[in-house]
All heavy atoms as atom14 arrays in JSON, in Angstrom:
{
  "sequence": "SLNVHTWNQRETYLHVMHNEREVVILYAQPSDRSIMQSQSLMLQ",
  "atom14_mask": [
    [1, 1, 1, 1, 1, 1, 0, 0, 0, 0, 0, 0, 0, 0],
    [1, 1, 1, 1, 1, 1, 1, 1, 0, 0, 0, 0, 0, 0],
    [1, 1, 1, 1, 1, 1, 1, 1, 0, 0, 0, 0, 0, 0],
    [1, 1, 1, 1, 1, 1, 1, 0, 0, 0, 0, 0, 0, 0],
    [1, 1, 1, 1, 1, 1, 1, 1, 1, 1, 0, 0, 0, 0],
    [1, 1, 1, 1, 1, 1, 1, 0, 0, 0, 0, 0, 0, 0],
    [1, 1, 1, 1, 1, 1, 1, 1, 1, 1, 1, 1, 1, 1],
    [1, 1, 1, 1, 1, 1, 1, 1, 0, 0, 0, 0, 0, 0],
    [1, 1, 1, 1, 1, 1, 1, 1, 1, 0, 0, 0, 0, 0],
    [1, 1, 1, 1, 1, 1, 1, 1, 1, 1, 1, 0, 0, 0],
    [1, 1, 1, 1, 1, 1, 1, 1, 1, 0, 0, 0, 0, 0],
    [1, 1, 1, 1, 1, 1, 1, 0, 0, 0, 0, 0, 0, 0],
    [1, 1, 1, 1, 1, 1, 1, 1, 1, 1, 1, 1, 0, 0],
    [1, 1, 1, 1, 1, 1, 1, 1, 0, 0, 0, 0, 0, 0],
    [1, 1, 1, 1, 1, 1, 1, 1, 1, 1, 0, 0, 0, 0],
    [1, 1, 1, 1, 1, 1, 1, 0, 0, 0, 0, 0, 0, 0],
    [1, 1, 1, 1, 1, 1, 1, 1, 0, 0, 0, 0, 0, 0],
    [1, 1, 1, 1, 1, 1, 1, 1, 1, 1, 0, 0, 0, 0],
    [1, 1, 1, 1, 1, 1, 1, 1, 0, 0, 0, 0, 0, 0],
    [1, 1, 1, 1, 1, 1, 1, 1, 1, 0, 0, 0, 0, 0],
    [1, 1, 1, 1, 1, 1, 1, 1, 1, 1, 1, 0, 0, 0],
    [1, 1, 1, 1, 1, 1, 1, 1, 1, 0, 0, 0, 0, 0],
    [1, 1, 1, 1, 1, 1, 1, 0, 0, 0, 0, 0, 0, 0],
    [1, 1, 1, 1, 1, 1, 1, 0, 0, 0, 0, 0, 0, 0],
    [1, 1, 1, 1, 1, 1, 1, 1, 0, 0, 0, 0, 0, 0],
    [1, 1, 1, 1, 1, 1, 1, 1, 0, 0, 0, 0, 0, 0],
    [1, 1, 1, 1, 1, 1, 1, 1, 1, 1, 1, 1, 0, 0],
    [1, 1, 1, 1, 1, 0, 0, 0, 0, 0, 0, 0, 0, 0],
    [1, 1, 1, 1, 1, 1, 1, 1, 1, 0, 0, 0, 0, 0],
    [1, 1, 1, 1, 1, 1, 1, 0, 0, 0, 0, 0, 0, 0],
    [1, 1, 1, 1, 1, 1, 0, 0, 0, 0, 0, 0, 0, 0],
    [1, 1, 1, 1, 1, 1, 1, 1, 0, 0, 0, 0, 0, 0],
    [1, 1, 1, 1, 1, 1, 1, 1, 1, 1, 1, 0, 0, 0],
    [1, 1, 1, 1, 1, 1, 0, 0, 0, 0, 0, 0, 0, 0],
    [1, 1, 1, 1, 1, 1, 1, 1, 0, 0, 0, 0, 0, 0],
    [1, 1, 1, 1, 1, 1, 1, 1, 0, 0, 0, 0, 0, 0],
    [1, 1, 1, 1, 1, 1, 1, 1, 1, 0, 0, 0, 0, 0],
    [1, 1, 1, 1, 1, 1, 0, 0, 0, 0, 0, 0, 0, 0],
    [1, 1, 1, 1, 1, 1, 1, 1, 1, 0, 0, 0, 0, 0],
    [1, 1, 1, 1, 1, 1, 0, 0, 0, 0, 0, 0, 0, 0],
    [1, 1, 1, 1, 1, 1, 1, 1, 0, 0, 0, 0, 0, 0],
    [1, 1, 1, 1, 1, 1, 1, 1, 0, 0, 0, 0, 0, 0],
    [1, 1, 1, 1, 1, 1, 1, 1, 0, 0, 0, 0, 0, 0],
    [1, 1, 1, 1, 1, 1, 1, 1, 1, 0, 0, 0, 0, 0]
  ],
  "atom14_positions": [
    [[150.54, -103.54, 226.85], [150.07, -102.97, 225.57], [148.57, -102.71, 225.67], [147.84, -103.44, 226.34], [150.33, -104.06, 224.41], [149.57, -105.17, 224.65], [0.0, 0.0, 0.0], [0.0, 0.0, 0.0], [0.0, 0.0, 0.0], [0.0, 0.0, 0.0], [0.0, 0.0, 0.0], [0.0, 0.0, 0.0], [0.0, 0.0, 0.0], [0.0, 0.0, 0.0]],
    [[148.16, -101.61, 224.98], [146.77, -101.18, 224.97], [146.31, -100.97, 223.53], [146.97, -100.32, 222.73], [146.63, -99.82, 225.78], [145.29, -99.16, 225.73], [144.23, -100.05, 226.44], [145.32, -97.81, 226.36], [0.0, 0.0, 0.0], [0.0, 0.0, 0.0], [0.0, 0.0, 0.0], [0.0, 0.0, 0.0], [0.0, 0.0, 0.0], [0.0, 0.0, 0.0]],
    [[145.16, -101.52, 223.2], [144.6, -101.4, 221.88], [143.14, -100.88, 222.01], [142.37, -101.5, 222.78], [144.59, -102.75, 221.12], [146.03, -103.29, 220.95], [146.74, -102.88, 220.11], [146.39, -104.23, 221.83], [0.0, 0.0, 0.0], [0.0, 0.0, 0.0], [0.0, 0.0, 0.0], [0.0, 0.0, 0.0], [0.0, 0.0, 0.0], [0.0, 0.0, 0.0]],
    [[142.79, -99.89, 221.22], [141.38, -99.34, 221.24], [140.95, -99.07, 219.79], [141.76, -99.05, 218.84], [141.35, -98.03, 222.04], [141.73, -98.29, 223.49], [142.22, -96.97, 221.43], [0.0, 0.0, 0.0], [0.0, 0.0, 0.0], [0.0, 0.0, 0.0], [0.0, 0.0, 0.0], [0.0, 0.0, 0.0], [0.0, 0.0, 0.0], [0.0, 0.0, 0.0]],
    [[139.63, -98.86, 219.7], [139.01, -98.5, 218.42], [138.42, -97.13, 218.54], [137.64, -96.86, 219.47], [137.93, -99.51, 217.99], [137.4, -99.37, 216.65], [136.41, -98.44, 216.26], [137.72, -100.03, 215.49], [136.2, -98.58, 215.02], [136.95, -99.53, 214.48], [0.0, 0.0, 0.0], [0.0, 0.0, 0.0], [0.0, 0.0, 0.0], [0.0, 0.0, 0.0]],
    [[138.83, -96.2, 217.63], [138.33, -94.82, 217.72], [136.86, -94.72, 217.26], [136.32, -95.62, 216.6], [139.2, -93.89, 216.87], [139.07, -94.3, 215.47], [140.68, -93.99, 217.31], [0.0, 0.0, 0.0], [0.0, 0.0, 0.0], [0.0, 0.0, 0.0], [0.0, 0.0, 0.0], [0.0, 0.0, 0.0], [0.0, 0.0, 0.0], [0.0, 0.0, 0.0]],
    [[136.27, -93.5, 217.64], [134.9, -93.26, 217.26], [134.88, -92.15, 216.21], [135.64, -91.22, 216.27], [134.12, -92.77, 218.5], [132.62, -92.92, 218.43], [131.86, -92.62, 217.37], [131.76, -93.42, 219.41], [130.55, -92.79, 217.61], [130.45, -93.37, 218.88], [131.93, -93.91, 220.73], [129.33, -93.77, 219.6], [130.81, -94.35, 221.39], [129.56, -94.27, 220.88]],
    [[133.96, -92.34, 215.2], [133.87, -91.32, 214.11], [133.6, -89.95, 214.69], [132.76, -89.8, 215.53], [132.8, -91.68, 213.12], [133.14, -92.99, 212.37], [134.28, -93.43, 212.4], [132.1, -93.53, 211.67], [0.0, 0.0, 0.0], [0.0, 0.0, 0.0], [0.0, 0.0, 0.0], [0.0, 0.0, 0.0], [0.0, 0.0, 0.0], [0.0, 0.0, 0.0]],
    [[134.34, -88.98, 214.16], [134.17, -87.56, 214.51], [134.43, -87.22, 215.98], [134.07, -86.12, 216.39], [132.76, -87.1, 214.13], [132.38, -87.29, 212.64], [133.26, -86.5, 211.69], [133.74, -85.44, 212.03], [133.52, -87.08, 210.53], [0.0, 0.0, 0.0], [0.0, 0.0, 0.0], [0.0, 0.0, 0.0], [0.0, 0.0, 0.0], [0.0, 0.0, 0.0]],
    [[135.12, -88.15, 216.63], [135.46, -87.89, 218.06], [136.95, -88.11, 218.31], [137.56, -88.95, 217.64], [134.6, -88.78, 218.98], [133.1, -88.39, 218.96], [132.39, -89.04, 220.07], [130.97, -88.64, 220.04], [130.12, -89.03, 220.96], [130.48, -89.8, 221.99], [128.79, -88.63, 220.87], [0.0, 0.0, 0.0], [0.0, 0.0, 0.0], [0.0, 0.0, 0.0]],
    [[137.41, -87.43, 219.27], [138.8, -87.53, 219.67], [139.01, -88.73, 220.62], [138.1, -89.11, 221.37], [139.25, -86.25, 220.38], [140.74, -86.11, 220.61], [141.11, -84.77, 221.27], [140.25, -84.32, 222.09], [142.13, -84.21, 220.98], [0.0, 0.0, 0.0], [0.0, 0.0, 0.0], [0.0, 0.0, 0.0], [0.0, 0.0, 0.0], [0.0, 0.0, 0.0]],
    [[140.19, -89.39, 220.53], [140.51, -90.51, 221.43], [141.7, -90.09, 222.29], [142.76, -89.71, 221.72], [140.87, -91.72, 220.62], [139.75, -92.1, 219.78], [141.19, -92.89, 221.56], [0.0, 0.0, 0.0], [0.0, 0.0, 0.0], [0.0, 0.0, 0.0], [0.0, 0.0, 0.0], [0.0, 0.0, 0.0], [0.0, 0.0, 0.0], [0.0, 0.0, 0.0]],
    [[141.51, -90.08, 223.56], [142.54, -89.53, 224.51], [142.56, -90.35, 225.79], [141.69, -90.21, 226.62], [142.17, -88.04, 224.78], [143.3, -87.25, 225.4], [143.08, -85.88, 225.63], [144.5, -87.78, 225.8], [144.09, -85.04, 226.2], [145.5, -87.03, 226.37], [145.27, -85.68, 226.55], [146.26, -84.89, 227.12], [0.0, 0.0, 0.0], [0.0, 0.0, 0.0]],
    [[143.58, -91.23, 225.91], [143.67, -92.06, 227.11], [145.13, -91.99, 227.62], [146.05, -91.7, 226.85], [143.31, -93.49, 226.8], [141.88, -93.8, 226.29], [141.9, -93.94, 224.8], [141.33, -95.04, 226.97], [0.0, 0.0, 0.0], [0.0, 0.0, 0.0], [0.0, 0.0, 0.0], [0.0, 0.0, 0.0], [0.0, 0.0, 0.0], [0.0, 0.0, 0.0]],
    [[145.27, -92.34, 228.9], [146.63, -92.45, 229.51], [146.78, -93.84, 230.16], [145.86, -94.4, 230.74], [146.81, -91.44, 230.66], [146.98, -90.02, 230.17], [146.04, -89.03, 230.33], [148.04, -89.49, 229.52], [146.5, -87.91, 229.82], [147.71, -88.14, 229.3], [0.0, 0.0, 0.0], [0.0, 0.0, 0.0], [0.0, 0.0, 0.0], [0.0, 0.0, 0.0]],
    [[148.01, -94.4, 230.04], [148.37, -95.61, 230.8], [149.01, -95.1, 232.06], [150.03, -94.33, 232.01], [149.32, -96.51, 229.98], [149.78, -97.7, 230.86], [148.66, -97.03, 228.74], [0.0, 0.0, 0.0], [0.0, 0.0, 0.0], [0.0, 0.0, 0.0], [0.0, 0.0, 0.0], [0.0, 0.0, 0.0], [0.0, 0.0, 0.0], [0.0, 0.0, 0.0]],
    [[148.55, -95.47, 233.22], [148.94, -94.96, 234.51], [149.81, -95.95, 235.31], [149.5, -97.16, 235.27], [147.72, -94.59, 235.37], [146.68, -93.73, 234.65], [147.31, -92.04, 234.38], [147.39, -91.46, 236.09], [0.0, 0.0, 0.0], [0.0, 0.0, 0.0], [0.0, 0.0, 0.0], [0.0, 0.0, 0.0], [0.0, 0.0, 0.0], [0.0, 0.0, 0.0]],
    [[150.84, -95.4, 235.91], [151.63, -96.2, 236.87], [151.4, -95.6, 238.26], [151.9, -94.49, 238.54], [153.11, -96.14, 236.51], [154.02, -96.87, 237.46], [155.37, -96.67, 237.52], [153.74, -97.83, 238.41], [155.9, -97.44, 238.45], [154.92, -98.16, 239.03], [0.0, 0.0, 0.0], [0.0, 0.0, 0.0], [0.0, 0.0, 0.0], [0.0, 0.0, 0.0]],
    [[150.61, -96.31, 239.08], [150.1, -95.79, 240.31], [149.25, -94.52, 239.96], [148.3, -94.6, 239.25], [151.24, -95.46, 241.31], [151.95, -96.76, 241.75], [151.32, -97.82, 241.81], [153.23, -96.68, 242.02], [0.0, 0.0, 0.0], [0.0, 0.0, 0.0], [0.0, 0.0, 0.0], [0.0, 0.0, 0.0], [0.0, 0.0, 0.0], [0.0, 0.0, 0.0]],
    [[149.62, -93.32, 240.4], [148.92, -92.11, 240.09], [149.67, -91.2, 239.11], [149.35, -90.06, 238.92], [148.56, -91.3, 241.35], [147.77, -92.08, 242.4], [146.41, -92.55, 241.79], [145.78, -91.78, 241.01], [145.96, -93.67, 242.12], [0.0, 0.0, 0.0], [0.0, 0.0, 0.0], [0.0, 0.0, 0.0], [0.0, 0.0, 0.0], [0.0, 0.0, 0.0]],
    [[150.63, -91.78, 238.38], [151.42, -91.05, 237.46], [151.12, -91.42, 236.03], [151.0, -92.61, 235.72], [152.93, -91.27, 237.77], [153.88, -90.55, 236.87], [155.32, -90.76, 237.37], [155.71, -92.18, 237.34], [156.32, -92.76, 236.3], [156.58, -92.05, 235.2], [156.65, -94.02, 236.39], [0.0, 0.0, 0.0], [0.0, 0.0, 0.0], [0.0, 0.0, 0.0]],
    [[150.95, -90.42, 235.2], [150.72, -90.65, 233.77], [152.01, -91.05, 233.12], [153.02, -90.34, 233.19], [150.15, -89.39, 233.1], [148.86, -88.9, 233.69], [148.51, -87.49, 233.19], [149.35, -86.91, 232.43], [147.42, -86.99, 233.55], [0.0, 0.0, 0.0], [0.0, 0.0, 0.0], [0.0, 0.0, 0.0], [0.0, 0.0, 0.0], [0.0, 0.0, 0.0]],
    [[152.03, -92.21, 232.46], [153.31, -92.72, 231.84], [153.28, -92.46, 230.34], [154.23, -91.83, 229.84], [153.47, -94.23, 232.18], [154.76, -94.72, 231.59], [153.42, -94.45, 233.66], [0.0, 0.0, 0.0], [0.0, 0.0, 0.0], [0.0, 0.0, 0.0], [0.0, 0.0, 0.0], [0.0, 0.0, 0.0], [0.0, 0.0, 0.0], [0.0, 0.0, 0.0]],
    [[152.28, -92.96, 229.65], [152.21, -92.76, 228.18], [150.78, -92.39, 227.81], [149.8, -92.62, 228.58], [152.62, -94.03, 227.39], [154.1, -94.33, 227.59], [151.76, -95.24, 227.74], [0.0, 0.0, 0.0], [0.0, 0.0, 0.0], [0.0, 0.0, 0.0], [0.0, 0.0, 0.0], [0.0, 0.0, 0.0], [0.0, 0.0, 0.0], [0.0, 0.0, 0.0]],
    [[150.62, -91.87, 226.61], [149.29, -91.4, 226.1], [148.98, -92.18, 224.85], [149.86, -92.52, 224.05], [149.29, -89.9, 225.83], [147.85, -89.44, 225.45], [150.3, -89.54, 224.77], [147.79, -87.93, 225.32], [0.0, 0.0, 0.0], [0.0, 0.0, 0.0], [0.0, 0.0, 0.0], [0.0, 0.0, 0.0], [0.0, 0.0, 0.0], [0.0, 0.0, 0.0]],
    [[147.7, -92.49, 224.67], [147.2, -93.05, 223.46], [146.22, -92.0, 222.87], [145.23, -91.68, 223.51], [146.48, -94.4, 223.64], [146.05, -95.17, 222.43], [146.04, -96.63, 222.73], [144.69, -94.71, 221.92], [0.0, 0.0, 0.0], [0.0, 0.0, 0.0], [0.0, 0.0, 0.0], [0.0, 0.0, 0.0], [0.0, 0.0, 0.0], [0.0, 0.0, 0.0]],
    [[146.56, -91.51, 221.67], [145.77, -90.38, 221.16], [145.47, -90.55, 219.67], [146.31, -91.11, 218.94], [146.51, -89.08, 221.34], [145.82, -87.86, 220.82], [144.76, -87.26, 221.51], [146.2, -87.31, 219.59], [144.12, -86.12, 221.07], [145.54, -86.19, 219.05], [144.5, -85.62, 219.82], [143.84, -84.52, 219.33], [0.0, 0.0, 0.0], [0.0, 0.0, 0.0]],
    [[144.27, -90.16, 219.27], [143.86, -90.14, 217.85], [142.97, -88.9, 217.64], [142.05, -88.62, 218.38], [143.15, -91.41, 217.47], [0.0, 0.0, 0.0], [0.0, 0.0, 0.0], [0.0, 0.0, 0.0], [0.0, 0.0, 0.0], [0.0, 0.0, 0.0], [0.0, 0.0, 0.0], [0.0, 0.0, 0.0], [0.0, 0.0, 0.0], [0.0, 0.0, 0.0]],
    [[143.22, -88.17, 216.55], [142.43, -86.98, 216.21], [141.05, -87.42, 215.64], [140.87, -88.49, 215.14], [143.17, -86.13, 215.17], [144.45, -85.51, 215.71], [145.12, -84.66, 214.64], [144.82, -84.8, 213.43], [146.06, -83.81, 215.06], [0.0, 0.0, 0.0], [0.0, 0.0, 0.0], [0.0, 0.0, 0.0], [0.0, 0.0, 0.0], [0.0, 0.0, 0.0]],
    [[140.11, -86.49, 215.78], [138.79, -86.77, 215.14], [138.92, -86.99, 213.61], [139.67, -86.36, 212.92], [137.97, -85.47, 215.44], [138.64, -84.87, 216.55], [140.12, -85.18, 216.38], [0.0, 0.0, 0.0], [0.0, 0.0, 0.0], [0.0, 0.0, 0.0], [0.0, 0.0, 0.0], [0.0, 0.0, 0.0], [0.0, 0.0, 0.0], [0.0, 0.0, 0.0]],
    [[138.13, -87.98, 213.15], [138.2, -88.33, 211.71], [136.87, -88.89, 211.3], [136.04, -89.34, 212.07], [139.31, -89.36, 211.51], [139.34, -89.81, 210.19], [0.0, 0.0, 0.0], [0.0, 0.0, 0.0], [0.0, 0.0, 0.0], [0.0, 0.0, 0.0], [0.0, 0.0, 0.0], [0.0, 0.0, 0.0], [0.0, 0.0, 0.0], [0.0, 0.0, 0.0]],
    [[136.67, -88.86, 209.94], [135.43, -89.4, 209.42], [135.41, -90.92, 209.46], [134.34, -91.55, 209.38], [135.23, -88.94, 207.95], [135.06, -87.48, 207.8], [134.6, -86.84, 208.83], [135.37, -86.91, 206.74], [0.0, 0.0, 0.0], [0.0, 0.0, 0.0], [0.0, 0.0, 0.0], [0.0, 0.0, 0.0], [0.0, 0.0, 0.0], [0.0, 0.0, 0.0]],
    [[136.6, -91.47, 209.61], [136.67, -92.9, 209.7], [137.23, -93.37, 211.06], [138.09, -92.67, 211.62], [137.58, -93.46, 208.61], [137.09, -93.24, 207.17], [138.03, -93.87, 206.16], [139.4, -93.43, 206.29], [140.42, -93.98, 205.7], [140.25, -95.02, 204.91], [141.63, -93.44, 205.84], [0.0, 0.0, 0.0], [0.0, 0.0, 0.0], [0.0, 0.0, 0.0]],
    [[136.72, -94.44, 211.59], [137.24, -95.01, 212.8], [138.41, -95.95, 212.5], [138.43, -96.6, 211.47], [136.14, -95.79, 213.54], [135.7, -96.83, 212.71], [0.0, 0.0, 0.0], [0.0, 0.0, 0.0], [0.0, 0.0, 0.0], [0.0, 0.0, 0.0], [0.0, 0.0, 0.0], [0.0, 0.0, 0.0], [0.0, 0.0, 0.0], [0.0, 0.0, 0.0]],
    [[139.41, -95.93, 213.39], [140.65, -96.73, 213.16], [141.03, -97.46, 214.47], [140.54, -97.1, 215.57], [141.82, -95.87, 212.71], [142.13, -94.77, 213.72], [141.54, -95.28, 211.32], [143.39, -93.95, 213.43], [0.0, 0.0, 0.0], [0.0, 0.0, 0.0], [0.0, 0.0, 0.0], [0.0, 0.0, 0.0], [0.0, 0.0, 0.0], [0.0, 0.0, 0.0]],
    [[141.89, -98.46, 214.33], [142.47, -99.11, 215.53], [143.72, -98.36, 215.9], [144.57, -98.03, 215.07], [142.78, -100.56, 215.2], [141.57, -101.42, 214.98], [140.51, -101.61, 216.43], [141.63, -102.35, 217.58], [0.0, 0.0, 0.0], [0.0, 0.0, 0.0], [0.0, 0.0, 0.0], [0.0, 0.0, 0.0], [0.0, 0.0, 0.0], [0.0, 0.0, 0.0]],
    [[143.89, -98.03, 217.2], [145.04, -97.31, 217.75], [145.65, -98.1, 218.86], [144.91, -98.75, 219.66], [144.6, -95.91, 218.23], [145.71, -94.96, 218.39], [146.19, -94.35, 217.12], [145.79, -94.79, 216.0], [147.1, -93.37, 217.2], [0.0, 0.0, 0.0], [0.0, 0.0, 0.0], [0.0, 0.0, 0.0], [0.0, 0.0, 0.0], [0.0, 0.0, 0.0]],
    [[146.94, -98.14, 218.97], [147.61, -98.95, 219.99], [148.78, -98.21, 220.64], [149.28, -97.27, 220.08], [148.12, -100.31, 219.42], [149.12, -100.06, 218.46], [0.0, 0.0, 0.0], [0.0, 0.0, 0.0], [0.0, 0.0, 0.0], [0.0, 0.0, 0.0], [0.0, 0.0, 0.0], [0.0, 0.0, 0.0], [0.0, 0.0, 0.0], [0.0, 0.0, 0.0]],
    [[149.13, -98.66, 221.85], [150.28, -98.12, 222.55], [150.86, -99.25, 223.41], [150.16, -100.15, 223.89], [149.83, -97.0, 223.47], [150.93, -96.34, 224.33], [151.94, -95.61, 223.46], [152.84, -96.26, 222.9], [151.83, -94.32, 223.31], [0.0, 0.0, 0.0], [0.0, 0.0, 0.0], [0.0, 0.0, 0.0], [0.0, 0.0, 0.0], [0.0, 0.0, 0.0]],
    [[152.21, -99.27, 223.53], [152.86, -100.35, 224.3], [154.05, -99.73, 225.11], [154.6, -98.66, 224.66], [153.39, -101.46, 223.4], [154.3, -100.98, 222.45], [0.0, 0.0, 0.0], [0.0, 0.0, 0.0], [0.0, 0.0, 0.0], [0.0, 0.0, 0.0], [0.0, 0.0, 0.0], [0.0, 0.0, 0.0], [0.0, 0.0, 0.0], [0.0, 0.0, 0.0]],
    [[154.5, -100.39, 226.14], [155.56, -99.9, 226.97], [156.03, -100.96, 227.91], [155.37, -101.99, 228.08], [155.1, -98.66, 227.81], [154.15, -98.95, 229.0], [154.22, -97.81, 229.98], [152.74, -99.14, 228.51], [0.0, 0.0, 0.0], [0.0, 0.0, 0.0], [0.0, 0.0, 0.0], [0.0, 0.0, 0.0], [0.0, 0.0, 0.0], [0.0, 0.0, 0.0]],
    [[157.21, -100.72, 228.56], [157.73, -101.62, 229.58], [157.98, -100.79, 230.88], [158.4, -99.6, 230.81], [159.09, -102.28, 229.22], [158.93, -103.34, 228.16], [160.42, -104.34, 227.98], [161.6, -103.16, 227.49], [0.0, 0.0, 0.0], [0.0, 0.0, 0.0], [0.0, 0.0, 0.0], [0.0, 0.0, 0.0], [0.0, 0.0, 0.0], [0.0, 0.0, 0.0]],
    [[157.64, -101.38, 232.02], [157.81, -100.71, 233.34], [158.5, -101.63, 234.29], [158.31, -102.85, 234.25], [156.43, -100.32, 233.87], [155.62, -99.22, 233.14], [154.25, -99.1, 233.73], [156.37, -97.89, 233.23], [0.0, 0.0, 0.0], [0.0, 0.0, 0.0], [0.0, 0.0, 0.0], [0.0, 0.0, 0.0], [0.0, 0.0, 0.0], [0.0, 0.0, 0.0]],
    [[159.32, -101.0, 235.19], [159.87, -101.75, 236.32], [159.01, -101.54, 237.5], [158.94, -100.34, 238.01], [161.3, -101.36, 236.57], [161.99, -102.12, 237.67], [163.47, -101.88, 237.79], [164.05, -101.25, 236.87], [164.07, -102.39, 238.82], [0.0, 0.0, 0.0], [0.0, 0.0, 0.0], [0.0, 0.0, 0.0], [0.0, 0.0, 0.0], [0.0, 0.0, 0.0]]
  ]
}
């Protein structure tokens, strides 16, 4: 699981990587307010 805090007026764009492969994305659009954003997954 990944949890982040966004920045005001800025985009939030991250990837959870398995070796060199992008598995899931954590994304938040620019906003006047900052928010908490999370992503979770299971891997073998």
